[in-house]
């Protein structure tokens, strides 16, 4: 039974690692394209607004980028704190096994 649980844990870890790598690659690609888009958009906006606002156009864009960055970091932090624990299913199954073998207290009850 312990071997079956270990195999289940290995499968769960492999799946989590695969998902994490895929997310990282998608995030890196999106970040690279977003950086290029922001550079082009910033240059266009500043070129158009420079005759009227001058350096204020750059300041406004900087503040807008900072606000969006702060919001995204807040969301990332919240998502990381609310994710389920690693090996949650395996630990739940091990707990069920322990309860089935030793009773609900895990066999730590003091015997008279």
PDB file of N, CA and C in Angstrom:
ATOM      1  N   UNK A   1       0.830  -1.183   0.000  1.00  0.00           N
ATOM      2  CA  UNK A   1       0.000   0.000   0.000  1.00  0.00           C
ATOM      3  C   UNK A   1       0.882   1.256   0.000  1.00  0.00           C
ATOM      4  N   UNK A   2       1.958   1.210   0.747  1.00  0.00           N
ATOM      5  CA  UNK A   2       2.861   2.361   0.797  1.00  0.00           C
ATOM      6  C   UNK A   2       3.515   2.606  -0.560  1.00  0.00           C
ATOM      7  N   UNK A   3       3.833   1.542  -1.273  1.00  0.00           N
ATOM      8  CA  UNK A   3       4.422   1.677  -2.601  1.00  0.00           C
ATOM      9  C   UNK A   3       3.440   2.331  -3.564  1.00  0.00           C
ATOM     10  N   UNK A   4       2.174   1.961  -3.468  1.00  0.00           N
ATOM     11  CA  UNK A   4       1.154   2.575  -4.328  1.00  0.00           C
ATOM     12  C   UNK A   4       1.040   4.070  -4.039  1.00  0.00           C
ATOM     13  N   UNK A   5       1.113   4.445  -2.770  1.00  0.00           N
ATOM     14  CA  UNK A   5       1.044   5.862  -2.405  1.00  0.00           C
ATOM     15  C   UNK A   5       2.272   6.619  -2.893  1.00  0.00           C
ATOM     16  N   UNK A   6       3.430   5.983  -2.836  1.00  0.00           N
ATOM     17  CA  UNK A   6       4.649   6.620  -3.330  1.00  0.00           C
ATOM     18  C   UNK A   6       4.580   6.829  -4.839  1.00  0.00           C
ATOM     19  N   UNK A   7       4.042   5.857  -5.550  1.00  0.00           N
ATOM     20  CA  UNK A   7       3.877   6.014  -6.999  1.00  0.00           C
ATOM     21  C   UNK A   7       2.892   7.135  -7.306  1.00  0.00           C
ATOM     22  N   UNK A   8       1.827   7.208  -6.538  1.00  0.00           N
ATOM     23  CA  UNK A   8       0.843   8.283  -6.716  1.00  0.00           C
ATOM     24  C   UNK A   8       1.486   9.645  -6.468  1.00  0.00           C
ATOM     25  N   UNK A   9       2.319   9.734  -5.457  1.00  0.00           N
ATOM     26  CA  UNK A   9       3.019  10.986  -5.158  1.00  0.00           C
ATOM     27  C   UNK A   9       3.968  11.360  -6.297  1.00  0.00           C
ATOM     28  N   UNK A  10       4.660  10.375  -6.857  1.00  0.00           N
ATOM     29  CA  UNK A  10       5.584  10.643  -7.963  1.00  0.00           C
ATOM     30  C   UNK A  10       4.834  11.153  -9.185  1.00  0.00           C
ATOM     31  N   UNK A  11       3.686  10.562  -9.480  1.00  0.00           N
ATOM     32  CA  UNK A  11       2.876  11.023 -10.612  1.00  0.00           C
ATOM     33  C   UNK A  11       2.388  12.448 -10.371  1.00  0.00           C
ATOM     34  N   UNK A  12       1.944  12.721  -9.158  1.00  0.00           N
ATOM     35  CA  UNK A  12       1.457  14.063  -8.835  1.00  0.00           C
ATOM     36  C   UNK A  12       2.576  15.101  -8.935  1.00  0.00           C
ATOM     37  N   UNK A  13       3.767  14.771  -8.464  1.00  0.00           N
ATOM     38  CA  UNK A  13       4.904  15.688  -8.562  1.00  0.00           C
ATOM     39  C   UNK A  13       5.299  15.933 -10.019  1.00  0.00           C
ATOM     40  N   UNK A  14       5.294  14.888 -10.820  1.00  0.00           N
ATOM     41  CA  UNK A  14       5.636  15.025 -12.239  1.00  0.00           C
ATOM     42  C   UNK A  14       4.632  15.925 -12.946  1.00  0.00           C
ATOM     43  N   UNK A  15       3.364  15.746 -12.643  1.00  0.00           N
ATOM     44  CA  UNK A  15       2.326  16.571 -13.259  1.00  0.00           C
ATOM     45  C   UNK A  15       2.477  18.038 -12.830  1.00  0.00           C
ATOM     46  N   UNK A  16       2.752  18.278 -11.557  1.00  0.00           N
ATOM     47  CA  UNK A  16       2.944  19.648 -11.081  1.00  0.00           C
ATOM     48  C   UNK A  16       4.159  20.299 -11.725  1.00  0.00           C
ATOM     49  N   UNK A  17       5.239  19.558 -11.870  1.00  0.00           N
ATOM     50  CA  UNK A  17       6.441  20.106 -12.497  1.00  0.00           C
ATOM     51  C   UNK A  17       6.185  20.430 -13.965  1.00  0.00           C
ATOM     52  N   UNK A  18       5.477  19.564 -14.652  1.00  0.00           N
ATOM     53  CA  UNK A  18       5.153  19.799 -16.058  1.00  0.00           C
ATOM     54  C   UNK A  18       4.270  21.034 -16.218  1.00  0.00           C
ATOM     55  N   UNK A  19       3.270  21.165 -15.365  1.00  0.00           N
ATOM     56  CA  UNK A  19       2.395  22.337 -15.413  1.00  0.00           C
ATOM     57  C   UNK A  19       3.179  23.612 -15.127  1.00  0.00           C
ATOM     58  N   UNK A  20       4.058  23.576 -14.138  1.00  0.00           N
ATOM     59  CA  UNK A  20       4.837  24.761 -13.776  1.00  0.00           C
ATOM     60  C   UNK A  20       5.754  25.187 -14.917  1.00  0.00           C
ATOM     61  N   UNK A  21       6.397  24.234 -15.564  1.00  0.00           N
ATOM     62  CA  UNK A  21       7.279  24.573 -16.685  1.00  0.00           C
ATOM     63  C   UNK A  21       6.489  25.187 -17.831  1.00  0.00           C
ATOM     64  N   UNK A  22       5.339  24.616 -18.136  1.00  0.00           N
ATOM     65  CA  UNK A  22       4.497  25.163 -19.203  1.00  0.00           C
ATOM     66  C   UNK A  22       4.061  26.580 -18.861  1.00  0.00           C
ATOM     67  N   UNK A  23       3.670  26.850 -17.620  1.00  0.00           N
ATOM     68  CA  UNK A  23       3.248  28.197 -17.215  1.00  0.00           C
ATOM     69  C   UNK A  23       4.397  29.186 -17.311  1.00  0.00           C
ATOM     70  N   UNK A  24       5.571  28.754 -16.915  1.00  0.00           N
ATOM     71  CA  UNK A  24       6.734  29.647 -16.969  1.00  0.00           C
ATOM     72  C   UNK A  24       7.063  30.014 -18.414  1.00  0.00           C
ATOM     73  N   UNK A  25       7.032  29.036 -19.313  1.00  0.00           N
ATOM     74  CA  UNK A  25       7.332  29.317 -20.712  1.00  0.00           C
ATOM     75  C   UNK A  25       6.300  30.254 -21.331  1.00  0.00           C
ATOM     76  N   UNK A  26       5.020  30.033 -21.053  1.00  0.00           N
ATOM     77  CA  UNK A  26       3.979  30.931 -21.551  1.00  0.00           C
ATOM     78  C   UNK A  26       4.153  32.332 -20.976  1.00  0.00           C
ATOM     79  N   UNK A  27       4.482  32.416 -19.705  1.00  0.00           N
ATOM     80  CA  UNK A  27       4.664  33.723 -19.068  1.00  0.00           C
ATOM     81  C   UNK A  27       5.860  34.467 -19.658  1.00  0.00           C
ATOM     82  N   UNK A  28       6.957  33.753 -19.935  1.00  0.00           N
ATOM     83  CA  UNK A  28       8.126  34.395 -20.533  1.00  0.00           C
ATOM     84  C   UNK A  28       7.826  34.902 -21.940  1.00  0.00           C
ATOM     85  N   UNK A  29       7.135  34.114 -22.731  1.00  0.00           N
ATOM     86  CA  UNK A  29       6.779  34.546 -24.082  1.00  0.00           C
ATOM     87  C   UNK A  29       5.851  35.758 -24.037  1.00  0.00           C
ATOM     88  N   UNK A  30       4.856  35.716 -23.161  1.00  0.00           N
ATOM     89  CA  UNK A  30       3.929  36.840 -23.035  1.00  0.00           C
ATOM     90  C   UNK A  30       4.639  38.095 -22.545  1.00  0.00           C
ATOM     91  N   UNK A  31       5.567  37.925 -21.616  1.00  0.00           N
ATOM     92  CA  UNK A  31       6.309  39.066 -21.088  1.00  0.00           C
ATOM     93  C   UNK A  31       7.182  39.711 -22.157  1.00  0.00           C
ATOM     94  N   UNK A  32       7.836  38.905 -22.957  1.00  0.00           N
ATOM     95  CA  UNK A  32       8.682  39.445 -24.026  1.00  0.00           C
ATOM     96  C   UNK A  32       7.847  40.229 -25.036  1.00  0.00           C
ATOM     97  N   UNK A  33       6.725  39.669 -25.439  1.00  0.00           N
ATOM     98  CA  UNK A  33       5.866  40.370 -26.395  1.00  0.00           C
ATOM     99  C   UNK A  33       5.234  41.617 -25.783  1.00  0.00           C
ATOM    100  N   UNK A  34       4.881  41.535 -24.523  1.00  0.00           N
ATOM    101  CA  UNK A  34       4.319  42.710 -23.861  1.00  0.00           C
ATOM    102  C   UNK A  34       5.344  43.826 -23.755  1.00  0.00           C
ATOM    103  N   UNK A  35       6.582  43.489 -23.461  1.00  0.00           N
ATOM    104  CA  UNK A  35       7.633  44.512 -23.379  1.00  0.00           C
ATOM    105  C   UNK A  35       7.809  45.212 -24.721  1.00  0.00           C
ATOM    106  N   UNK A  36       7.835  44.461 -25.804  1.00  0.00           N
ATOM    107  CA  UNK A  36       7.950  45.068 -27.128  1.00  0.00           C
ATOM    108  C   UNK A  36       6.740  45.946 -27.443  1.00  0.00           C
ATOM    109  N   UNK A  37       5.570  45.496 -27.068  1.00  0.00           N
ATOM    110  CA  UNK A  37       4.355  46.278 -27.299  1.00  0.00           C
ATOM    111  C   UNK A  37       4.377  47.577 -26.501  1.00  0.00           C
ATOM    112  N   UNK A  38       4.783  47.498 -25.248  1.00  0.00           N
ATOM    113  CA  UNK A  38       4.847  48.702 -24.419  1.00  0.00           C
ATOM    114  C   UNK A  38       5.871  49.708 -24.930  1.00  0.00           C
ATOM    115  N   UNK A  39       6.991  49.219 -25.434  1.00  0.00           N
ATOM    116  CA  UNK A  39       8.007  50.123 -25.984  1.00  0.00           C
ATOM    117  C   UNK A  39       7.447  50.867 -27.193  1.00  0.00           C
ATOM    118  N   UNK A  40       6.816  50.123 -28.092  1.00  0.00           N
ATOM    119  CA  UNK A  40       6.253  50.753 -29.293  1.00  0.00           C
ATOM    120  C   UNK A  40       5.121  51.712 -28.939  1.00  0.00           C
ATOM    121  N   UNK A  41       4.244  51.302 -28.035  1.00  0.00           N
ATOM    122  CA  UNK A  41       3.120  52.158 -27.648  1.00  0.00           C
ATOM    123  C   UNK A  41       3.612  53.414 -26.930  1.00  0.00           C
ATOM    124  N   UNK A  42       4.581  53.267 -26.052  1.00  0.00           N
ATOM    125  CA  UNK A  42       5.123  54.414 -25.335  1.00  0.00           C
ATOM    126  C   UNK A  42       5.761  55.406 -26.299  1.00  0.00           C
ATOM    127  N   UNK A  43       6.542  54.902 -27.211  1.00  0.00           N
ATOM    128  CA  UNK A  43       7.180  55.799 -28.186  1.00  0.00           C
ATOM    129  C   UNK A  43       6.136  56.536 -29.017  1.00  0.00           C
ATOM    130  N   UNK A  44       5.095  55.844 -29.426  1.00  0.00           N
ATOM    131  CA  UNK A  44       4.038  56.476 -30.225  1.00  0.00           C
ATOM    132  C   UNK A  44       3.294  57.540 -29.424  1.00  0.00           C
ATOM    133  N   UNK A  45       2.917  57.216 -28.205  1.00  0.00           N
ATOM    134  CA  UNK A  45       2.165  58.164 -27.377  1.00  0.00           C
ATOM    135  C   UNK A  45       3.010  59.389 -27.057  1.00  0.00           C
ATOM    136  N   UNK A  46       4.254  59.178 -26.698  1.00  0.00           N
ATOM    137  CA  UNK A  46       5.126  60.310 -26.370  1.00  0.00           C
ATOM    138  C   UNK A  46       5.355  61.192 -27.602  1.00  0.00           C
ATOM    139  N   UNK A  47       5.547  60.576 -28.763  1.00  0.00           N
ATOM    140  CA  UNK A  47       5.758  61.358 -29.988  1.00  0.00           C
ATOM    141  C   UNK A  47       4.543  62.210 -30.322  1.00  0.00           C
ATOM    142  N   UNK A  48       3.361  61.662 -30.089  1.00  0.00           N
ATOM    143  CA  UNK A  48       2.132  62.407 -30.392  1.00  0.00           C
ATOM    144  C   UNK A  48       1.894  63.518 -29.363  1.00  0.00           C
ATOM    145  N   UNK A  49       2.140  63.253 -28.093  1.00  0.00           N
ATOM    146  CA  UNK A  49       1.830  64.219 -27.031  1.00  0.00           C
ATOM    147  C   UNK A  49       2.964  65.194 -26.727  1.00  0.00           C
ATOM    148  N   UNK A  50       4.149  64.976 -27.241  1.00  0.00           N
ATOM    149  CA  UNK A  50       5.294  65.814 -26.889  1.00  0.00           C
ATOM    150  C   UNK A  50       5.073  67.307 -27.164  1.00  0.00           C
ATOM    151  N   UNK A  51       4.465  67.679 -28.295  1.00  0.00           N
ATOM    152  CA  UNK A  51       4.278  69.125 -28.535  1.00  0.00           C
ATOM    153  C   UNK A  51       3.394  69.801 -27.486  1.00  0.00           C
ATOM    154  N   UNK A  52       2.461  69.088 -26.877  1.00  0.00           N
ATOM    155  CA  UNK A  52       1.546  69.702 -25.913  1.00  0.00           C
ATOM    156  C   UNK A  52       1.988  69.488 -24.467  1.00  0.00           C
ATOM    157  N   UNK A  53       2.477  68.306 -24.132  1.00  0.00           N
ATOM    158  CA  UNK A  53       2.780  67.991 -22.732  1.00  0.00           C
ATOM    159  C   UNK A  53       4.271  67.876 -22.416  1.00  0.00           C
ATOM    160  N   UNK A  54       5.087  67.621 -23.392  1.00  0.00           N
ATOM    161  CA  UNK A  54       6.514  67.470 -23.146  1.00  0.00           C
ATOM    162  C   UNK A  54       6.805  66.276 -22.247  1.00  0.00           C
ATOM    163  N   UNK A  55       7.630  66.505 -21.224  1.00  0.00           N
ATOM    164  CA  UNK A  55       8.050  65.418 -20.333  1.00  0.00           C
ATOM    165  C   UNK A  55       6.913  64.887 -19.478  1.00  0.00           C
ATOM    166  N   UNK A  56       5.819  65.632 -19.341  1.00  0.00           N
ATOM    167  CA  UNK A  56       4.674  65.171 -18.535  1.00  0.00           C
ATOM    168  C   UNK A  56       4.060  63.910 -19.144  1.00  0.00           C
ATOM    169  N   UNK A  57       4.121  63.800 -20.471  1.00  0.00           N
ATOM    170  CA  UNK A  57       3.604  62.580 -21.114  1.00  0.00           C
ATOM    171  C   UNK A  57       4.368  61.356 -20.622  1.00  0.00           C
ATOM    172  N   UNK A  58       5.685  61.470 -20.511  1.00  0.00           N
ATOM    173  CA  UNK A  58       6.486  60.354 -19.983  1.00  0.00           C
ATOM    174  C   UNK A  58       6.143  60.071 -18.526  1.00  0.00           C
ATOM    175  N   UNK A  59       5.955  61.115 -17.737  1.00  0.00           N
ATOM    176  CA  UNK A  59       5.622  60.939 -16.320  1.00  0.00           C
ATOM    177  C   UNK A  59       4.276  60.237 -16.157  1.00  0.00           C
ATOM    178  N   UNK A  60       3.290  60.625 -16.946  1.00  0.00           N
ATOM    179  CA  UNK A  60       1.972  59.993 -16.854  1.00  0.00           C
ATOM    180  C   UNK A  60       2.035  58.512 -17.250  1.00  0.00           C
ATOM    181  N   UNK A  61       2.778  58.220 -18.294  1.00  0.00           N
ATOM    182  CA  UNK A  61       2.921  56.814 -18.693  1.00  0.00           C
ATOM    183  C   UNK A  61       3.660  56.006 -17.626  1.00  0.00           C
ATOM    184  N   UNK A  62       4.660  56.596 -17.026  1.00  0.00           N
ATOM    185  CA  UNK A  62       5.399  55.916 -15.962  1.00  0.00           C
ATOM    186  C   UNK A  62       4.482  55.600 -14.785  1.00  0.00           C
ATOM    187  N   UNK A  63       3.656  56.549 -14.397  1.00  0.00           N
ATOM    188  CA  UNK A  63       2.711  56.316 -13.300  1.00  0.00           C
ATOM    189  C   UNK A  63       1.692  55.241 -13.664  1.00  0.00           C
ATOM    190  N   UNK A  64       1.223  55.253 -14.893  1.00  0.00           N
ATOM    191  CA  UNK A  64       0.258  54.236 -15.326  1.00  0.00           C
ATOM    192  C   UNK A  64       0.901  52.844 -15.291  1.00  0.00           C
ATOM    193  N   UNK A  65       2.129  52.735 -15.789  1.00  0.00           N
ATOM    194  CA  UNK A  65       2.819  51.443 -15.765  1.00  0.00           C
ATOM    195  C   UNK A  65       3.070  50.976 -14.335  1.00  0.00           C
ATOM    196  N   UNK A  66       3.417  51.889 -13.466  1.00  0.00           N
ATOM    197  CA  UNK A  66       3.659  51.528 -12.062  1.00  0.00           C
ATOM    198  C   UNK A  66       2.377  51.035 -11.394  1.00  0.00           C
ATOM    199  N   UNK A  67       1.254  51.674 -11.687  1.00  0.00           N
ATOM    200  CA  UNK A  67      -0.022  51.255 -11.097  1.00  0.00           C
ATOM    201  C   UNK A  67      -0.419  49.862 -11.581  1.00  0.00           C
ATOM    202  N   UNK A  68      -0.274  49.606 -12.866  1.00  0.00           N
ATOM    203  CA  UNK A  68      -0.609  48.285 -13.400  1.00  0.00           C
ATOM    204  C   UNK A  68       0.327  47.223 -12.825  1.00  0.00           C
ATOM    205  N   UNK A  69       1.598  47.536 -12.702  1.00  0.00           N
ATOM    206  CA  UNK A  69       2.558  46.591 -12.124  1.00  0.00           C
ATOM    207  C   UNK A  69       2.209  46.262 -10.679  1.00  0.00           C
ATOM    208  N   UNK A  70       1.854  47.268  -9.898  1.00  0.00           N
ATOM    209  CA  UNK A  70       1.471  47.038  -8.504  1.00  0.00           C
ATOM    210  C   UNK A  70       0.240  46.140  -8.420  1.00  0.00           C
ATOM    211  N   UNK A  71      -0.731  46.373  -9.285  1.00  0.00           N
ATOM    212  CA  UNK A  71      -1.937  45.544  -9.294  1.00  0.00           C
ATOM    213  C   UNK A  71      -1.601  44.094  -9.650  1.00  0.00           C
ATOM    214  N   UNK A  72      -0.771  43.901 -10.667  1.00  0.00           N
ATOM    215  CA  UNK A  72      -0.410  42.542 -11.076  1.00  0.00           C
ATOM    216  C   UNK A  72       0.378  41.816  -9.987  1.00  0.00           C
ATOM    217  N   UNK A  73       1.268  42.511  -9.305  1.00  0.00           N
ATOM    218  CA  UNK A  73       2.009  41.894  -8.204  1.00  0.00           C
ATOM    219  C   UNK A  73       1.080  41.529  -7.049  1.00  0.00           C
ATOM    220  N   UNK A  74       0.100  42.359  -6.780  1.00  0.00           N
ATOM    221  CA  UNK A  74      -0.888  42.057  -5.746  1.00  0.00           C
ATOM    222  C   UNK A  74      -1.649  40.781  -6.106  1.00  0.00           C
ATOM    223  N   UNK A  75      -2.105  40.681  -7.367  1.00  0.00           N
ATOM    224  CA  UNK A  75      -2.849  39.499  -7.806  1.00  0.00           C
ATOM    225  C   UNK A  75      -1.981  38.243  -7.746  1.00  0.00           C
ATOM    226  N   UNK A  76      -0.721  38.353  -8.137  1.00  0.00           N
ATOM    227  CA  UNK A  76       0.195  37.226  -8.085  1.00  0.00           C
ATOM    228  C   UNK A  76       0.400  36.759  -6.653  1.00  0.00           C
ATOM    229  N   UNK A  77       0.604  37.696  -5.750  1.00  0.00           N
ATOM    230  CA  UNK A  77       0.794  37.358  -4.343  1.00  0.00           C
ATOM    231  C   UNK A  77      -0.443  36.658  -3.777  1.00  0.00           C
ATOM    232  N   UNK A  78      -1.623  37.162  -4.116  1.00  0.00           N
ATOM    233  CA  UNK A  78      -2.865  36.556  -3.648  1.00  0.00           C
ATOM    234  C   UNK A  78      -3.045  35.151  -4.214  1.00  0.00           C
ATOM    235  N   UNK A  79      -2.707  34.964  -5.487  1.00  0.00           N
ATOM    236  CA  UNK A  79      -2.835  33.639  -6.103  1.00  0.00           C
ATOM    237  C   UNK A  79      -1.863  32.636  -5.492  1.00  0.00           C
ATOM    238  N   UNK A  80      -0.654  33.075  -5.201  1.00  0.00           N
ATOM    239  CA  UNK A  80       0.333  32.171  -4.601  1.00  0.00           C
ATOM    240  C   UNK A  80      -0.069  31.746  -3.193  1.00  0.00           C
ATOM    241  N   UNK A  81      -0.698  32.651  -2.449  1.00  0.00           N
ATOM    242  CA  UNK A  81      -1.102  32.306  -1.084  1.00  0.00           C
ATOM    243  C   UNK A  81      -2.362  31.450  -1.040  1.00  0.00           C
ATOM    244  N   UNK A  82      -3.153  31.431  -2.113  1.00  0.00           N
ATOM    245  CA  UNK A  82      -4.403  30.675  -2.103  1.00  0.00           C
ATOM    246  C   UNK A  82      -4.303  29.340  -2.837  1.00  0.00           C
ATOM    247  N   UNK A  83      -3.135  29.007  -3.354  1.00  0.00           N
ATOM    248  CA  UNK A  83      -3.010  27.742  -4.079  1.00  0.00           C
ATOM    249  C   UNK A  83      -3.049  26.581  -3.109  1.00  0.00           C
ATOM    250  N   UNK A  84      -3.420  25.419  -3.635  1.00  0.00           N
ATOM    251  CA  UNK A  84      -3.484  24.238  -2.768  1.00  0.00           C
ATOM    252  C   UNK A  84      -2.078  23.743  -2.470  1.00  0.00           C
ATOM    253  N   UNK A  85      -1.887  23.119  -1.334  1.00  0.00           N
ATOM    254  CA  UNK A  85      -0.553  22.649  -0.945  1.00  0.00           C
ATOM    255  C   UNK A  85      -0.037  21.560  -1.886  1.00  0.00           C
ATOM    256  N   UNK A  86       1.270  21.482  -1.988  1.00  0.00           N
ATOM    257  CA  UNK A  86       1.911  20.457  -2.801  1.00  0.00           C
ATOM    258  C   UNK A  86       1.634  19.088  -2.199  1.00  0.00           C
ATOM    259  N   UNK A  87       1.315  18.131  -3.033  1.00  0.00           N
ATOM    260  CA  UNK A  87       1.001  16.750  -2.633  1.00  0.00           C
ATOM    261  C   UNK A  87      -0.236  16.657  -1.747  1.00  0.00           C
ATOM    262  N   UNK A  88      -1.193  17.529  -1.935  1.00  0.00           N
ATOM    263  CA  UNK A  88      -2.392  17.532  -1.095  1.00  0.00           C
ATOM    264  C   UNK A  88      -3.165  16.223  -1.222  1.00  0.00           C
ATOM    265  N   UNK A  89      -3.320  15.731  -2.442  1.00  0.00           N
ATOM    266  CA  UNK A  89      -4.065  14.485  -2.638  1.00  0.00           C
ATOM    267  C   UNK A  89      -3.338  13.293  -2.014  1.00  0.00           C
ATOM    268  N   UNK A  90      -2.044  13.257  -2.179  1.00  0.00           N
ATOM    269  CA  UNK A  90      -1.267  12.154  -1.613  1.00  0.00           C
ATOM    270  C   UNK A  90      -1.332  12.157  -0.098  1.00  0.00           C
ATOM    271  N   UNK A  91      -1.181  13.328   0.506  1.00  0.00           N
ATOM    272  CA  UNK A  91      -1.254  13.410   1.966  1.00  0.00           C
ATOM    273  C   UNK A  91      -2.640  13.040   2.477  1.00  0.00           C
ATOM    274  N   UNK A  92      -3.688  13.392   1.734  1.00  0.00           N
ATOM    275  CA  UNK A  92      -5.043  13.021   2.139  1.00  0.00           C
ATOM    276  C   UNK A  92      -5.220  11.507   2.079  1.00  0.00           C
ATOM    277  N   UNK A  93      -4.692  10.890   1.040  1.00  0.00           N
ATOM    278  CA  UNK A  93      -4.783   9.432   0.929  1.00  0.00           C
ATOM    279  C   UNK A  93      -3.976   8.734   2.026  1.00  0.00           C
ATOM    280  N   UNK A  94      -2.800   9.258   2.339  1.00  0.00           N
ATOM    281  CA  UNK A  94      -2.008   8.684   3.429  1.00  0.00           C
ATOM    282  C   UNK A  94      -2.735   8.821   4.763  1.00  0.00           C
ATOM    283  N   UNK A  95      -3.421   9.927   4.959  1.00  0.00           N
ATOM    284  CA  UNK A  95      -4.187  10.117   6.184  1.00  0.00           C
ATOM    285  C   UNK A  95      -5.321   9.102   6.266  1.00  0.00           C
ATOM    286  N   UNK A  96      -5.985   8.842   5.141  1.00  0.00           N
ATOM    287  CA  UNK A  96      -7.040   7.831   5.118  1.00  0.00           C
ATOM    288  C   UNK A  96      -6.470   6.449   5.426  1.00  0.00           C
ATOM    289  N   UNK A  97      -5.308   6.150   4.853  1.00  0.00           N
ATOM    290  CA  UNK A  97      -4.672   4.859   5.125  1.00  0.00           C
ATOM    291  C   UNK A  97      -4.332   4.709   6.598  1.00  0.00           C
ATOM    292  N   UNK A  98      -3.773   5.751   7.190  1.00  0.00           N
ATOM    293  CA  UNK A  98      -3.414   5.707   8.605  1.00  0.00           C
ATOM    294  C   UNK A  98      -4.659   5.506   9.462  1.00  0.00           C
ATOM    295  N   UNK A  99      -5.745   6.208   9.105  1.00  0.00           N
ATOM    296  CA  UNK A  99      -6.988   6.059   9.871  1.00  0.00           C
ATOM    297  C   UNK A  99      -7.544   4.646   9.733  1.00  0.00           C
ATOM    298  N   UNK A 100      -7.411   4.066   8.528  1.00  0.00           N
ATOM    299  CA  UNK A 100      -7.916   2.708   8.327  1.00  0.00           C
ATOM    300  C   UNK A 100      -7.084   1.681   9.088  1.00  0.00           C
ATOM    301  N   UNK A 101      -5.795   1.897   9.165  1.00  0.00           N
ATOM    302  CA  UNK A 101      -4.928   0.931   9.830  1.00  0.00           C
ATOM    303  C   UNK A 101      -4.897   1.077  11.350  1.00  0.00           C
ATOM    304  N   UNK A 102      -4.851   2.320  11.828  1.00  0.00           N
ATOM    305  CA  UNK A 102      -4.649   2.554  13.261  1.00  0.00           C
ATOM    306  C   UNK A 102      -5.828   3.194  13.964  1.00  0.00           C
ATOM    307  N   UNK A 103      -6.866   3.515  13.282  1.00  0.00           N
ATOM    308  CA  UNK A 103      -7.976   4.228  13.895  1.00  0.00           C
ATOM    309  C   UNK A 103      -7.852   5.705  13.602  1.00  0.00           C
ATOM    310  N   UNK A 104      -8.772   6.503  14.093  1.00  0.00           N
ATOM    311  CA  UNK A 104      -8.819   7.931  13.769  1.00  0.00           C
ATOM    312  C   UNK A 104      -7.697   8.745  14.383  1.00  0.00           C
ATOM    313  N   UNK A 105      -7.087   8.267  15.456  1.00  0.00           N
ATOM    314  CA  UNK A 105      -6.051   9.070  16.121  1.00  0.00           C
ATOM    315  C   UNK A 105      -4.644   8.729  15.647  1.00  0.00           C
ATOM    316  N   UNK A 106      -4.520   7.828  14.681  1.00  0.00           N
ATOM    317  CA  UNK A 106      -3.209   7.497  14.163  1.00  0.00           C
ATOM    318  C   UNK A 106      -2.417   6.566  15.065  1.00  0.00           C
ATOM    319  N   UNK A 107      -3.055   5.955  16.048  1.00  0.00           N
ATOM    320  CA  UNK A 107      -2.381   5.009  16.909  1.00  0.00           C
ATOM    321  C   UNK A 107      -1.544   5.651  18.004  1.00  0.00           C
ATOM    322  N   UNK A 108      -1.763   6.930  18.288  1.00  0.00           N
ATOM    323  CA  UNK A 108      -0.972   7.620  19.306  1.00  0.00           C
ATOM    324  C   UNK A 108      -1.683   7.636  20.648  1.00  0.00           C
ATOM    325  N   UNK A 109      -2.789   6.962  20.746  1.00  0.00           N
ATOM    326  CA  UNK A 109      -3.556   6.972  21.991  1.00  0.00           C
ATOM    327  C   UNK A 109      -2.800   6.209  23.086  1.00  0.00           C
ATOM    328  N   UNK A 110      -2.771   6.775  24.284  1.00  0.00           N
ATOM    329  CA  UNK A 110      -2.097   6.128  25.416  1.00  0.00           C
ATOM    330  C   UNK A 110      -2.933   4.946  25.887  1.00  0.00           C
ATOM    331  N   UNK A 111      -2.280   3.814  26.076  1.00  0.00           N
ATOM    332  CA  UNK A 111      -2.995   2.616  26.528  1.00  0.00           C
ATOM    333  C   UNK A 111      -2.814   2.476  28.039  1.00  0.00           C
ATOM    334  N   UNK A 112      -3.937   2.152  28.744  1.00  0.00           N
ATOM    335  CA  UNK A 112      -3.857   2.021  30.208  1.00  0.00           C
ATOM    336  C   UNK A 112      -3.140   0.774  30.660  1.00  0.00           C
TER     337      UNK A 112
END
